Amino acid sequence: MLYLDFQKANCKNCYKCLRACPVKAIDAQGGQAKIIESRCILCGHCTQVCPRNAKSVHNDSDAILRLLQKSPKVIASVAPAFVASFGLSSFEPMRTALKAVGFYDAFETSEGAAAVTAEYKKLLATGKYDNFITSACPAVNRAIELYHHEALKYLAPVDSPMVAHAKILKKRYPDADIVFVGPCIAKKREAKESGVLSGALTFEELIAILAQKGVEIVDAPTTVAPKKSAKATAVKAADVAAEGEVAAVGETTLKAKYYPISRGIIKSFDEFPDGYEYIAVDGVSRLDQAIKDLLSVKHVFLEINACEGACVNGPCSIKRAGGSVEANVKVRNYVSSVPADVVPVYPDISKAFKPKKAGDREPAEDEIKAVLASTGKHCEADELNCGACGYSTCREKAWAVINGYAEVEMCVPYMREKAESMGSVIIENSPNGIIVCGDDLSISEINRKAQAMIGISSPEYIFDCFDPTAAFKAADSGKPVHVEKLKIDKTGKYVDMMIVPLEKEKALLVVLTDITEKVNYDEELSKVKRDTLAVTDTVIEKQMRVAQEIASLLGETTAETKVALLKLKAAMIDGGSD
C-alpha cells in the first residue's frame, strides 16, 4: 500500500529528500524521486524538506468518510498532541467535533499510553534488560527491525500507545471500528498491520473533513479540576474491573498525556525503576548514532522519537506561531488542568518485534570499485564523500547504483569536472575566438584563438582588445549585438563579432570569427576587377581610335576612287563620240 505520493512533474534533481532520508529509501533514477516502500520507515521528513512540494502524504479522508457511512460505531483514538495542533485547552471540543462529523465517540490515546508505561515498568522490574528502547514510535521501531537487528533485543516488546488503546477500546466496544487521529504518517502503516484498527487519519486530513462537513472546533477552556476522592476513584475502578478488565488508577493516567513531547515517556513514570539512566533522543538524524552508541553501554533507558521535539512536531501536525515551544507549553498546561482517571490495562499489549529485510543486494567489493572508478575515484583519496548526491559517502552511493536506486551521473563533483573539462576542450578547440567578460567588461575567459586575433595574451578588459561601444550596447539592451568587419588595429585582422548577454551569469559572451582571408580575397578580387576594367577601357579606346582612322582612310580612298571613276567615265564618253 502506498503511504506517500510523489509527483513526477515537480521533481527537479535536487536530491534534498535523499539527503534528509535517514534510511535512503528514495529511488532517484531518471531525474525523479520516488519512494522505496521496502526501505521506508515513514518518518515523513521527505514531505517536509521538498522545495517543490513533490511529496505528500497519501490522503485517506475518503476511505474514513466511507467507513463512517457504512459502520454504525466508529470510535476515534485521538493522540494527546491534539492540544498543541488545535490550540485546545480540553478534550471535549475535539470529542464534540468528531461526533459531529459522524464518529460514535472519541477518546484520548493517552489511555493506551498509560497502559504502555505500566507495561514498561513491569519489564524493567524483571532486570532482564541490559538496555531498554521504548516502542511508542512506529518509525523508530521499523528502523530497528530493518537496519539495527543487533538492537532488537533492547526494543521493548510492547504495543505502541495507539495499538494498546485500540485493544482497550475493542475490549470495551467489541463491535466498533477504531480510527486513530494524530500527527504521524507512520501510524497509517502501523494501523493497517495491527489487525485492530480500521484506519488512521492525520490532523491535516481531519481539518479537511471538518471543513467539508462544516464543523468548527471551538475551544472551551477549563479550570483545574479538583482531585477525585479515594472513594470515588475506588468505585470507578471497581466498575471497570467488574467488566473483566485490570485497572490502574492515579497519576500514571495523568502523566501519560506527556507522551507527545520530548522526554514525555520518561515523564509518564510516577517513579523510576532503579538501575537505569533515563535518556531521550529526538530526530531521525540522531537515530542511527543513538542506537549504535547504545550497543557499547549498559543500563540505559532510551526514549527515541523520529521527530525532533517528539510527536507535537510530527510531519502532519498543525504548525502554529509558537512552534514546538508553544506545543510543549500547551501539553504541560493540559496535563496540569485535568484530573487523573482510571485506565484499563490489559495483559495482551505485548508485541514481538522481528527482523525485517528490505530486499537489497549487498554488492561485492569489485562491483563497488567499478562504480567508483566510473566517476573517477580510483583510490580512497578520490572519494570526497561530499554528500551532494544525497548519500553520506561515495561507497554508499555506489551501493545504491548497484541496487538500482541511483545513477552514476548523480555524482555532482564528477559531472561538474567532466562538464568543465568538456567545455574547456570545446572552447580551446573552437575555430572562433571566444571571450567571456563580466558586467564591468573585465575578461574572465579567453581562448587561444581570440588571443591570436587580438594580439594580446592576457587582456584584462574588453577595451584592451577593441572599441567597447558594442559591448556596452549589448549590456545595456540585454540583446545580442552584431558587428561586421571589425578591424583589430594591433594585428590588422578583420573579424565579425557577435556579443551575446548572459543574463543569469551577468556576463557577456563575445564570439569572434576571423574573416581576414575573406576580406583580403575580396580586396584582391576588387583590385583585379578594377585593373580589368582599366585594361578594357584602354582596349576600347584604342579600338575606337583604330576604327576612326580606318574610317578616315576609307573615306579618302573612296573619294579618290570616285574622282578617278568619274574621270574615266568622262573620258570614255568623250572617246565614244569621236
Protein backbone atom coordinates (compact mmCIF):
# COMPACT_ATOMS: atom_id res chain seq x y z
CA MET A 1 0.00 0.00 0.00
CA LEU A 2 1.22 3.48 -0.86
CA TYR A 3 1.54 5.88 2.10
CA LEU A 4 3.45 8.69 0.37
CA ASP A 5 2.66 10.22 -3.02
CA PHE A 6 5.46 11.53 -5.26
CA GLN A 7 4.55 13.92 -8.06
CA LYS A 8 6.85 13.32 -11.00
CA ALA A 9 6.30 16.69 -12.69
CA ASN A 10 7.64 18.70 -9.77
CA CYS A 11 10.87 16.84 -9.02
CA LYS A 12 13.94 18.76 -10.20
CA ASN A 13 17.11 16.76 -9.43
CA CYS A 14 17.87 18.50 -6.10
CA TYR A 15 18.26 15.29 -4.01
CA LYS A 16 17.17 17.18 -0.88
CA CYS A 17 14.75 14.41 0.09
CA LEU A 18 17.53 11.86 -0.31
CA ARG A 19 19.82 13.83 1.97
CA ALA A 20 17.06 14.11 4.59
CA CYS A 21 16.06 10.45 4.46
CA PRO A 22 17.76 8.60 7.35
CA VAL A 23 17.47 5.20 5.64
CA LYS A 24 17.93 6.28 1.98
CA ALA A 25 14.52 4.98 0.94
CA ILE A 26 14.48 7.20 -2.16
CA ASP A 27 14.90 5.93 -5.71
CA ALA A 28 16.39 8.87 -7.62
CA GLN A 29 16.76 7.46 -11.11
CA GLY A 30 15.84 9.32 -14.27
CA GLY A 31 16.00 12.69 -12.54
CA GLN A 32 12.91 11.82 -10.50
CA ALA A 33 12.49 10.75 -6.90
CA LYS A 34 10.13 8.02 -5.77
CA ILE A 35 9.71 6.02 -2.58
CA ILE A 36 11.27 2.60 -2.00
CA GLU A 37 8.48 1.17 0.14
CA SER A 38 10.51 -1.79 1.38
CA ARG A 39 13.10 0.57 2.92
CA CYS A 40 10.84 3.42 4.11
CA ILE A 41 10.18 3.94 7.84
CA LEU A 42 7.58 6.69 7.11
CA CYS A 43 9.28 9.34 9.21
CA GLY A 44 7.84 11.92 6.79
CA HIS A 45 10.98 14.03 6.51
CA CYS A 46 10.93 13.93 2.72
CA THR A 47 7.50 15.59 2.71
CA GLN A 48 8.80 18.43 4.86
CA VAL A 49 12.07 19.25 3.09
CA CYS A 50 10.97 19.01 -0.56
CA PRO A 51 11.29 22.53 -2.06
CA ARG A 52 8.90 21.62 -4.91
CA ASN A 53 6.17 20.05 -2.76
CA ALA A 54 6.55 16.92 -4.86
CA LYS A 55 6.00 14.59 -1.88
CA SER A 56 2.78 14.38 0.07
CA VAL A 57 1.03 12.03 2.48
CA HIS A 58 -1.43 9.69 0.81
CA ASN A 59 -4.89 11.03 1.72
CA ASP A 60 -7.23 8.57 3.44
CA SER A 61 -10.06 11.04 4.11
CA ASP A 62 -12.42 9.49 1.58
CA ALA A 63 -11.84 5.99 2.95
CA ILE A 64 -12.63 7.14 6.51
CA LEU A 65 -15.74 9.03 5.35
CA ARG A 66 -16.97 5.86 3.65
CA LEU A 67 -16.29 3.94 6.87
CA LEU A 68 -18.35 6.49 8.83
CA GLN A 69 -21.24 5.97 6.44
CA LYS A 70 -21.00 2.17 6.48
CA SER A 71 -20.20 1.41 10.12
CA PRO A 72 -22.65 2.36 12.89
CA LYS A 73 -19.95 2.58 15.53
CA VAL A 74 -16.64 4.23 14.60
CA ILE A 75 -14.58 5.38 17.57
CA ALA A 76 -11.69 7.81 17.35
CA SER A 77 -8.50 7.38 19.33
CA VAL A 78 -7.02 10.89 19.43
CA ALA A 79 -3.31 11.45 20.03
CA PRO A 80 -2.63 13.76 23.01
CA ALA A 81 -0.75 16.09 20.66
CA PHE A 82 -4.17 17.47 19.66
CA VAL A 83 -3.91 20.20 22.30
CA ALA A 84 -0.84 21.60 20.52
CA SER A 85 -2.04 21.26 16.92
CA PHE A 86 -5.54 22.64 17.54
CA GLY A 87 -4.70 25.03 20.36
CA LEU A 88 -7.26 23.47 22.69
CA SER A 89 -7.45 23.52 26.46
CA SER A 90 -9.51 20.37 26.88
CA PHE A 91 -10.58 17.26 25.00
CA GLU A 92 -14.33 17.92 24.95
CA PRO A 93 -14.30 20.33 21.96
CA MET A 94 -12.41 17.72 19.94
CA ARG A 95 -14.78 14.98 21.03
CA THR A 96 -17.81 17.12 20.14
CA ALA A 97 -16.40 17.92 16.67
CA LEU A 98 -15.62 14.26 15.91
CA LYS A 99 -19.12 13.24 16.89
CA ALA A 100 -20.49 15.98 14.65
CA VAL A 101 -18.77 14.51 11.58
CA GLY A 102 -20.09 11.02 12.27
CA PHE A 103 -17.88 9.32 14.87
CA TYR A 104 -19.75 7.33 17.52
CA ASP A 105 -17.38 8.59 20.21
CA ALA A 106 -13.80 9.69 20.79
CA PHE A 107 -11.21 9.04 23.50
CA GLU A 108 -7.63 10.08 24.16
CA THR A 109 -4.85 7.74 23.13
CA SER A 110 -3.18 8.58 26.42
CA GLU A 111 -5.32 5.78 27.89
CA GLY A 112 -3.18 3.40 25.86
CA ALA A 113 -0.03 5.33 26.72
CA ALA A 114 -0.67 4.77 30.43
CA ALA A 115 -1.04 1.06 29.80
CA VAL A 116 2.24 1.06 27.87
CA THR A 117 4.08 2.85 30.68
CA ALA A 118 2.71 0.34 33.18
CA GLU A 119 3.99 -2.50 30.99
CA TYR A 120 7.41 -0.83 30.68
CA LYS A 121 7.65 -0.72 34.48
CA LYS A 122 6.86 -4.42 34.72
CA LEU A 123 9.53 -5.31 32.17
CA LEU A 124 12.18 -3.11 33.79
CA ALA A 125 11.41 -4.65 37.17
CA THR A 126 12.46 -8.07 35.85
CA GLY A 127 16.06 -6.86 35.46
CA LYS A 128 16.38 -8.85 32.21
CA TYR A 129 17.22 -5.88 30.00
CA ASP A 130 20.78 -4.62 29.78
CA ASN A 131 19.34 -1.66 27.87
CA PHE A 132 15.77 -0.66 27.10
CA ILE A 133 14.41 1.13 23.98
CA THR A 134 10.86 2.46 24.03
CA SER A 135 8.44 1.18 21.38
CA ALA A 136 6.00 4.09 21.15
CA CYS A 137 7.31 5.47 17.81
CA PRO A 138 6.48 3.17 14.85
CA ALA A 139 9.07 4.88 12.62
CA VAL A 140 11.82 4.08 15.13
CA ASN A 141 10.54 0.52 15.56
CA ARG A 142 10.60 0.00 11.79
CA ALA A 143 14.13 1.36 11.54
CA ILE A 144 15.36 -1.07 14.20
CA GLU A 145 13.57 -4.01 12.58
CA LEU A 146 15.10 -3.20 9.18
CA TYR A 147 18.54 -1.79 9.91
CA HIS A 148 19.55 -2.48 13.53
CA HIS A 149 18.88 -6.15 14.15
CA GLU A 150 21.52 -6.17 16.89
CA ALA A 151 19.37 -3.72 18.91
CA LEU A 152 16.12 -5.70 18.62
CA LYS A 153 16.82 -7.40 21.94
CA TYR A 154 16.58 -3.98 23.62
CA LEU A 155 13.35 -2.89 21.91
CA ALA A 156 10.50 -3.12 24.42
CA PRO A 157 8.15 -5.95 23.35
CA VAL A 158 5.12 -3.74 23.90
CA ASP A 159 2.49 -2.28 21.58
CA SER A 160 2.56 1.41 20.82
CA PRO A 161 0.01 3.54 22.72
CA MET A 162 -2.16 3.64 19.59
CA VAL A 163 -2.43 -0.14 19.29
CA ALA A 164 -2.74 -0.60 23.06
CA HIS A 165 -5.59 1.91 23.13
CA ALA A 166 -7.29 0.23 20.18
CA LYS A 167 -7.21 -3.05 22.11
CA ILE A 168 -8.66 -1.32 25.16
CA LEU A 169 -11.46 0.18 23.06
CA LYS A 170 -12.10 -3.12 21.30
CA LYS A 171 -12.49 -4.76 24.69
CA ARG A 172 -14.94 -2.05 25.68
CA TYR A 173 -16.76 -1.90 22.31
CA PRO A 174 -16.25 -5.25 20.55
CA ASP A 175 -18.34 -4.27 17.52
CA ALA A 176 -16.66 -0.89 16.95
CA ASP A 177 -14.24 0.24 14.23
CA ILE A 178 -11.30 2.11 15.72
CA VAL A 179 -9.66 5.00 13.84
CA PHE A 180 -6.55 6.77 15.11
CA VAL A 181 -6.23 10.55 14.70
CA GLY A 182 -2.80 12.12 15.11
CA PRO A 183 0.18 13.95 13.58
CA CYS A 184 2.04 10.84 12.40
CA ILE A 185 2.42 9.22 8.96
CA ALA A 186 3.95 6.00 10.29
CA LYS A 187 0.75 5.32 12.23
CA LYS A 188 -1.02 4.67 8.92
CA ARG A 189 1.06 1.58 8.22
CA GLU A 190 1.05 0.50 11.85
CA ALA A 191 -2.77 0.78 11.92
CA LYS A 192 -3.07 -1.36 8.80
CA GLU A 193 -0.72 -4.01 10.18
CA SER A 194 -2.21 -4.00 13.70
CA GLY A 195 -5.32 -6.05 12.99
CA VAL A 196 -7.35 -3.98 15.48
CA LEU A 197 -7.59 -0.57 13.79
CA SER A 198 -9.67 0.27 10.74
CA GLY A 199 -7.55 3.23 9.70
CA ALA A 200 -5.58 6.31 10.69
CA LEU A 201 -6.19 9.98 9.98
CA THR A 202 -3.64 12.76 10.22
CA PHE A 203 -4.55 16.05 11.85
CA GLU A 204 -4.32 17.66 8.41
CA GLU A 205 -6.83 15.18 7.00
CA LEU A 206 -9.13 15.78 9.96
CA ILE A 207 -9.13 19.53 9.29
CA ALA A 208 -10.16 18.85 5.68
CA ILE A 209 -13.02 16.60 6.84
CA LEU A 210 -14.20 19.17 9.38
CA ALA A 211 -14.19 21.84 6.66
CA GLN A 212 -16.08 19.56 4.29
CA LYS A 213 -18.73 18.87 6.92
CA GLY A 214 -18.90 22.50 8.03
CA VAL A 215 -17.84 21.64 11.59
CA GLU A 216 -15.72 24.04 13.65
CA ILE A 217 -13.80 23.15 16.80
CA VAL A 218 -14.50 25.75 19.43
CA ASP A 219 -12.19 25.73 22.43
CA ALA A 220 -13.79 25.62 25.86
CA PRO A 221 -11.10 26.43 28.47
CA THR A 222 -11.36 24.50 31.69
CA THR A 223 -10.19 25.24 35.18
CA VAL A 224 -8.07 22.83 37.13
CA ALA A 225 -10.39 20.06 38.24
CA PRO A 226 -10.36 19.03 41.88
CA LYS A 227 -8.68 15.76 42.69
CA LYS A 228 -11.04 12.84 42.93
CA SER A 229 -11.69 11.39 46.33
CA ALA A 230 -10.21 8.00 47.04
CA LYS A 231 -13.74 6.64 47.46
CA ALA A 232 -14.90 7.89 44.04
CA THR A 233 -11.79 6.54 42.37
CA ALA A 234 -12.20 3.18 44.04
CA VAL A 235 -15.81 2.95 42.93
CA LYS A 236 -14.90 3.69 39.31
CA ALA A 237 -12.04 1.22 39.42
CA ALA A 238 -14.36 -1.44 40.77
CA ASP A 239 -16.85 -0.78 37.96
CA VAL A 240 -14.14 -1.22 35.33
CA ALA A 241 -12.75 -4.33 36.96
CA ALA A 242 -16.25 -5.77 37.06
CA GLU A 243 -16.21 -5.72 33.27
CA GLY A 244 -13.26 -8.11 33.31
CA GLU A 245 -10.53 -5.51 32.95
CA VAL A 246 -7.47 -4.99 35.07
CA ALA A 247 -7.49 -1.37 36.26
CA ALA A 248 -4.66 1.01 37.05
CA VAL A 249 -5.62 4.19 38.84
CA GLY A 250 -3.95 7.51 39.55
CA GLU A 251 -1.05 9.66 38.43
CA THR A 252 0.14 7.28 35.70
CA THR A 253 -3.05 8.04 33.80
CA LEU A 254 -2.47 11.75 34.02
CA LYS A 255 1.25 11.70 33.23
CA ALA A 256 0.66 9.56 30.13
CA LYS A 257 -0.59 12.76 28.47
CA TYR A 258 3.07 13.86 28.40
CA TYR A 259 3.84 11.28 25.68
CA PRO A 260 3.75 13.71 22.71
CA ILE A 261 6.59 15.93 23.98
CA SER A 262 10.31 15.22 24.32
CA ARG A 263 11.04 13.07 27.39
CA GLY A 264 7.28 12.55 27.57
CA ILE A 265 7.57 8.80 28.09
CA ILE A 266 10.13 9.30 30.84
CA LYS A 267 7.88 11.93 32.44
CA SER A 268 4.98 9.44 32.42
CA PHE A 269 6.68 7.36 35.15
CA ASP A 270 5.46 8.18 38.64
CA GLU A 271 8.66 6.56 39.90
CA PHE A 272 11.71 5.26 38.09
CA PRO A 273 12.83 1.64 38.37
CA ASP A 274 16.34 1.60 39.80
CA GLY A 275 19.45 0.75 37.85
CA TYR A 276 18.84 2.71 34.60
CA GLU A 277 19.97 6.01 33.19
CA TYR A 278 16.93 7.64 31.51
CA ILE A 279 17.82 9.39 28.22
CA ALA A 280 15.67 10.86 25.41
CA VAL A 281 16.81 11.29 21.80
CA ASP A 282 14.73 13.13 19.20
CA GLY A 283 15.14 13.29 15.42
CA VAL A 284 15.94 10.84 12.66
CA SER A 285 19.35 12.46 12.17
CA ARG A 286 20.36 11.18 15.63
CA LEU A 287 18.56 7.85 15.48
CA ASP A 288 21.33 5.73 13.93
CA GLN A 289 24.08 7.10 16.13
CA ALA A 290 22.00 6.74 19.31
CA ILE A 291 21.30 3.08 18.58
CA LYS A 292 24.92 2.39 17.68
CA ASP A 293 26.11 4.10 20.87
CA LEU A 294 23.66 2.06 22.93
CA LEU A 295 25.43 -1.14 21.87
CA SER A 296 28.55 -0.14 23.78
CA VAL A 297 26.89 0.79 27.09
CA LYS A 298 24.60 -0.85 29.65
CA HIS A 299 21.66 0.06 31.86
CA VAL A 300 20.27 2.83 29.66
CA PHE A 301 16.57 3.51 29.20
CA LEU A 302 16.43 5.16 25.76
CA GLU A 303 13.35 7.07 24.66
CA ILE A 304 13.61 7.63 20.89
CA ASN A 305 11.32 9.76 18.73
CA ALA A 306 11.76 10.07 14.98
CA CYS A 307 10.55 13.67 15.07
CA GLU A 308 12.59 16.49 16.58
CA GLY A 309 10.57 17.74 19.51
CA ALA A 310 8.64 14.44 19.54
CA CYS A 311 5.04 13.96 18.35
CA VAL A 312 3.92 17.58 18.79
CA ASN A 313 6.27 18.34 15.90
CA GLY A 314 5.13 15.42 13.76
CA PRO A 315 5.09 15.71 9.94
CA CYS A 316 1.28 16.12 9.90
CA SER A 317 0.94 18.32 12.96
CA ILE A 318 -0.69 21.70 12.53
CA LYS A 319 2.06 24.29 12.70
CA ARG A 320 1.29 27.24 14.97
CA ALA A 321 3.09 30.52 15.55
CA GLY A 322 4.81 29.35 18.74
CA GLY A 323 6.21 26.21 17.13
CA SER A 324 7.44 23.36 19.30
CA VAL A 325 7.96 25.70 22.26
CA GLU A 326 4.28 26.63 22.40
CA ALA A 327 3.38 22.98 21.75
CA ASN A 328 5.32 21.90 24.83
CA VAL A 329 3.67 24.58 26.93
CA LYS A 330 0.23 23.55 25.68
CA VAL A 331 0.78 19.90 26.61
CA ARG A 332 2.20 20.75 30.04
CA ASN A 333 -0.70 23.09 30.79
CA TYR A 334 -3.15 20.47 29.63
CA VAL A 335 -1.66 17.81 31.90
CA SER A 336 -1.93 20.14 34.87
CA SER A 337 -5.56 21.04 34.12
CA VAL A 338 -7.18 17.59 34.01
CA PRO A 339 -7.71 15.03 36.78
CA ALA A 340 -6.26 11.56 36.98
CA ASP A 341 -8.55 8.85 35.69
CA VAL A 342 -8.94 5.11 35.65
CA VAL A 343 -7.03 3.41 32.88
CA PRO A 344 -7.85 -0.13 31.83
CA VAL A 345 -4.66 -2.13 31.43
CA TYR A 346 -4.60 -5.41 29.60
CA PRO A 347 -2.09 -8.21 29.70
CA ASP A 348 -2.30 -8.60 25.92
CA ILE A 349 -0.47 -5.50 24.74
CA SER A 350 2.82 -7.31 24.26
CA LYS A 351 4.34 -7.29 20.81
CA ALA A 352 7.10 -9.36 19.26
CA PHE A 353 9.39 -7.30 17.04
CA LYS A 354 11.18 -9.35 14.40
CA PRO A 355 13.99 -8.57 11.99
CA LYS A 356 12.86 -7.48 8.54
CA LYS A 357 14.72 -7.34 5.25
CA ALA A 358 14.47 -4.51 2.76
CA GLY A 359 15.38 -6.83 -0.11
CA ASP A 360 18.57 -5.01 -1.05
CA ARG A 361 21.59 -6.78 -2.50
CA GLU A 362 24.96 -6.46 -0.80
CA PRO A 363 27.40 -5.99 -3.70
CA ALA A 364 30.89 -7.42 -3.87
CA GLU A 365 33.89 -5.15 -3.35
CA ASP A 366 34.93 -5.32 -7.01
CA GLU A 367 31.45 -4.10 -8.00
CA ILE A 368 31.78 -1.13 -5.64
CA LYS A 369 35.22 -0.31 -7.03
CA ALA A 370 33.94 -0.49 -10.61
CA VAL A 371 31.20 2.05 -9.90
CA LEU A 372 33.64 4.32 -8.06
CA ALA A 373 36.07 4.11 -10.97
CA SER A 374 33.32 5.15 -13.38
CA THR A 375 33.20 8.51 -11.59
CA GLY A 376 36.96 9.00 -11.46
CA LYS A 377 37.51 7.54 -7.99
CA HIS A 378 40.39 5.11 -8.25
CA CYS A 379 41.65 5.29 -4.67
CA GLU A 380 40.37 6.31 -1.25
CA ALA A 381 41.80 9.82 -1.64
CA ASP A 382 39.49 10.37 -4.64
CA GLU A 383 36.38 9.70 -2.55
CA LEU A 384 35.23 13.17 -1.49
CA ASN A 385 32.19 11.93 0.48
CA CYS A 386 30.69 15.39 -0.08
CA GLY A 387 27.06 14.23 0.17
CA ALA A 388 25.92 16.35 -2.80
CA CYS A 389 24.24 13.30 -4.35
CA GLY A 390 22.24 12.72 -1.16
CA TYR A 391 24.31 9.80 0.11
CA SER A 392 26.71 10.19 3.01
CA THR A 393 29.65 8.52 1.30
CA CYS A 394 30.78 7.66 -2.22
CA ARG A 395 30.67 3.96 -1.35
CA GLU A 396 27.09 4.27 -0.11
CA LYS A 397 26.15 5.91 -3.39
CA ALA A 398 27.94 3.14 -5.31
CA TRP A 399 25.86 0.62 -3.33
CA ALA A 400 22.70 2.49 -4.41
CA VAL A 401 23.79 2.46 -8.06
CA ILE A 402 24.30 -1.30 -7.97
CA ASN A 403 20.88 -1.79 -6.34
CA GLY A 404 19.22 0.37 -8.99
CA TYR A 405 18.32 3.24 -6.64
CA ALA A 406 20.73 5.83 -8.06
CA GLU A 407 22.62 6.76 -11.21
CA VAL A 408 26.33 7.26 -11.81
CA GLU A 409 25.59 10.77 -13.10
CA MET A 410 24.33 11.82 -9.65
CA CYS A 411 27.95 12.47 -8.61
CA VAL A 412 27.94 16.27 -8.78
CA PRO A 413 31.73 16.92 -8.50
CA TYR A 414 32.47 14.32 -11.17
CA MET A 415 29.82 15.66 -13.58
CA ARG A 416 30.96 19.23 -12.97
CA GLU A 417 34.57 18.31 -13.58
CA LYS A 418 33.52 16.43 -16.70
CA ALA A 419 31.43 19.35 -17.95
CA GLU A 420 34.20 21.85 -17.24
CA SER A 421 36.73 19.60 -18.93
CA MET A 422 34.49 19.13 -21.96
CA GLY A 423 33.71 22.83 -22.03
CA SER A 424 37.40 23.71 -21.91
CA VAL A 425 38.16 21.30 -24.74
CA ILE A 426 35.37 22.73 -26.88
CA ILE A 427 36.35 26.33 -26.18
CA GLU A 428 40.06 25.77 -26.75
CA ASN A 429 39.47 23.88 -30.00
CA SER A 430 36.83 26.23 -31.34
CA PRO A 431 37.68 27.79 -34.74
CA ASN A 432 36.29 31.04 -33.36
CA GLY A 433 37.73 33.40 -30.79
CA ILE A 434 35.76 33.26 -27.54
CA ILE A 435 35.85 35.84 -24.76
CA VAL A 436 33.72 35.91 -21.60
CA CYS A 437 33.59 39.10 -19.58
CA GLY A 438 31.61 40.45 -16.63
CA ASP A 439 29.32 43.46 -16.38
CA ASP A 440 32.36 45.66 -15.82
CA LEU A 441 33.86 44.28 -19.08
CA SER A 442 36.65 42.53 -17.19
CA ILE A 443 37.69 39.38 -19.05
CA SER A 444 37.28 36.10 -17.16
CA GLU A 445 37.82 33.64 -20.02
CA ILE A 446 39.61 33.91 -23.36
CA ASN A 447 40.76 31.13 -25.66
CA ARG A 448 43.96 30.98 -27.67
CA LYS A 449 42.17 31.75 -30.94
CA ALA A 450 40.92 35.07 -29.54
CA GLN A 451 44.36 35.87 -28.15
CA ALA A 452 45.87 35.36 -31.60
CA MET A 453 43.22 37.53 -33.23
CA ILE A 454 43.71 40.50 -30.90
CA GLY A 455 47.46 40.03 -30.45
CA ILE A 456 47.32 40.16 -26.62
CA SER A 457 47.97 37.07 -24.48
CA SER A 458 46.32 38.21 -21.25
CA PRO A 459 43.99 41.18 -21.74
CA GLU A 460 42.21 42.38 -18.60
CA TYR A 461 39.32 44.28 -20.16
CA ILE A 462 37.42 44.28 -23.44
CA PHE A 463 38.59 47.80 -24.25
CA ASP A 464 42.16 46.47 -24.25
CA CYS A 465 41.16 44.49 -27.34
CA PHE A 466 38.87 46.76 -29.38
CA ASP A 467 36.32 49.58 -29.19
CA PRO A 468 33.93 48.61 -26.33
CA THR A 469 30.92 50.54 -27.70
CA ALA A 470 29.18 47.40 -28.95
CA ALA A 471 29.79 45.63 -25.62
CA PHE A 472 28.20 48.48 -23.69
CA LYS A 473 25.24 48.43 -26.07
CA ALA A 474 24.71 44.68 -25.54
CA ALA A 475 24.99 45.02 -21.76
CA ASP A 476 22.52 47.91 -21.63
CA SER A 477 19.93 46.45 -24.02
CA GLY A 478 20.19 42.83 -22.93
CA LYS A 479 20.09 41.89 -26.63
CA PRO A 480 22.77 40.42 -28.93
CA VAL A 481 24.80 42.92 -30.95
CA HIS A 482 26.45 42.02 -34.28
CA VAL A 483 29.44 43.97 -35.59
CA GLU A 484 30.64 43.20 -39.13
CA LYS A 485 34.14 43.56 -40.49
CA LEU A 486 35.77 44.95 -37.36
CA LYS A 487 39.46 45.65 -37.86
CA ILE A 488 41.81 44.82 -34.99
CA ASP A 489 44.43 47.54 -35.07
CA LYS A 490 47.17 45.58 -33.30
CA THR A 491 47.12 42.60 -35.67
CA GLY A 492 45.44 44.08 -38.70
CA LYS A 493 42.95 41.21 -38.71
CA TYR A 494 39.31 41.58 -39.61
CA VAL A 495 36.62 39.86 -37.57
CA ASP A 496 32.86 39.53 -37.44
CA MET A 497 31.87 39.98 -33.79
CA MET A 498 28.72 38.72 -32.02
CA ILE A 499 28.19 39.87 -28.42
CA VAL A 500 25.55 37.86 -26.50
CA PRO A 501 24.38 38.95 -22.99
CA LEU A 502 24.22 36.08 -20.46
CA GLU A 503 21.61 37.41 -18.04
CA LYS A 504 21.73 34.67 -15.42
CA GLU A 505 25.52 34.74 -15.30
CA LYS A 506 25.63 38.56 -15.53
CA ALA A 507 28.24 38.25 -18.24
CA LEU A 508 28.84 38.84 -21.95
CA LEU A 509 29.85 36.16 -24.42
CA VAL A 510 31.94 37.56 -27.28
CA VAL A 511 32.41 35.36 -30.36
CA LEU A 512 34.98 36.49 -32.92
CA THR A 513 35.01 35.00 -36.42
CA ASP A 514 38.21 35.64 -38.35
CA ILE A 515 37.29 36.95 -41.82
CA THR A 516 40.73 38.32 -42.68
CA GLU A 517 41.28 35.94 -45.59
CA LYS A 518 37.83 36.70 -46.95
CA VAL A 519 38.40 40.44 -46.64
CA ASN A 520 41.83 40.11 -48.32
CA TYR A 521 40.35 37.94 -51.04
CA ASP A 522 37.53 40.40 -51.62
CA GLU A 523 40.02 43.28 -51.83
CA GLU A 524 42.21 41.33 -54.26
CA LEU A 525 39.18 40.47 -56.33
CA SER A 526 38.14 44.11 -56.33
CA LYS A 527 41.64 45.13 -57.49
CA VAL A 528 41.52 42.54 -60.26
CA LYS A 529 38.14 43.87 -61.31
CA ARG A 530 39.42 47.43 -61.25
CA ASP A 531 42.52 46.51 -63.30
CA THR A 532 40.41 44.55 -65.74
CA LEU A 533 38.07 47.46 -66.21
CA ALA A 534 41.02 49.80 -66.79
CA VAL A 535 42.51 47.48 -69.43
CA THR A 536 39.10 47.13 -71.02
CA ASP A 537 38.71 50.87 -71.21
CA THR A 538 42.15 51.18 -72.85
CA VAL A 539 41.39 48.48 -75.40
CA ILE A 540 38.03 50.04 -76.21
CA GLU A 541 39.67 53.43 -76.62
CA LYS A 542 42.33 52.03 -78.91
CA GLN A 543 39.76 50.10 -80.91
CA MET A 544 37.67 53.21 -81.34
CA ARG A 545 40.72 55.19 -82.47
CA VAL A 546 41.72 52.48 -84.96
CA ALA A 547 38.18 52.31 -86.24
CA GLN A 548 38.10 56.02 -86.64
CA GLU A 549 41.46 56.02 -88.50
CA ILE A 550 40.31 53.19 -90.72
CA ALA A 551 37.10 55.03 -91.42
CA SER A 552 39.04 58.16 -92.24
CA LEU A 553 41.33 56.30 -94.61
CA LEU A 554 38.39 54.52 -96.18
CA GLY A 555 36.71 57.89 -96.70
CA GLU A 556 39.73 59.42 -98.52
CA THR A 557 40.19 56.34 -100.65
CA THR A 558 36.55 56.31 -101.56
CA ALA A 559 36.64 59.96 -102.60
CA GLU A 560 39.75 59.48 -104.73
CA THR A 561 38.22 56.42 -106.30
CA LYS A 562 35.06 58.37 -107.08
CA VAL A 563 37.05 61.14 -108.75
CA ALA A 564 39.07 58.65 -110.79
CA LEU A 565 35.99 56.76 -111.90
CA LEU A 566 34.22 59.93 -112.85
CA LYS A 567 37.22 60.97 -114.92
CA LEU A 568 37.31 57.54 -116.52
CA LYS A 569 33.64 57.75 -117.30
CA ALA A 570 34.01 61.16 -118.86
CA ALA A 571 36.95 60.03 -120.94
CA MET A 572 35.04 57.08 -122.23
CA ILE A 573 32.12 59.23 -123.13
CA ASP A 574 34.36 61.69 -124.96
CA GLY A 575 36.17 58.94 -126.85
CA GLY A 576 32.94 57.32 -127.97
CA SER A 577 31.71 60.48 -129.55
CA ASP A 578 34.60 60.57 -131.98
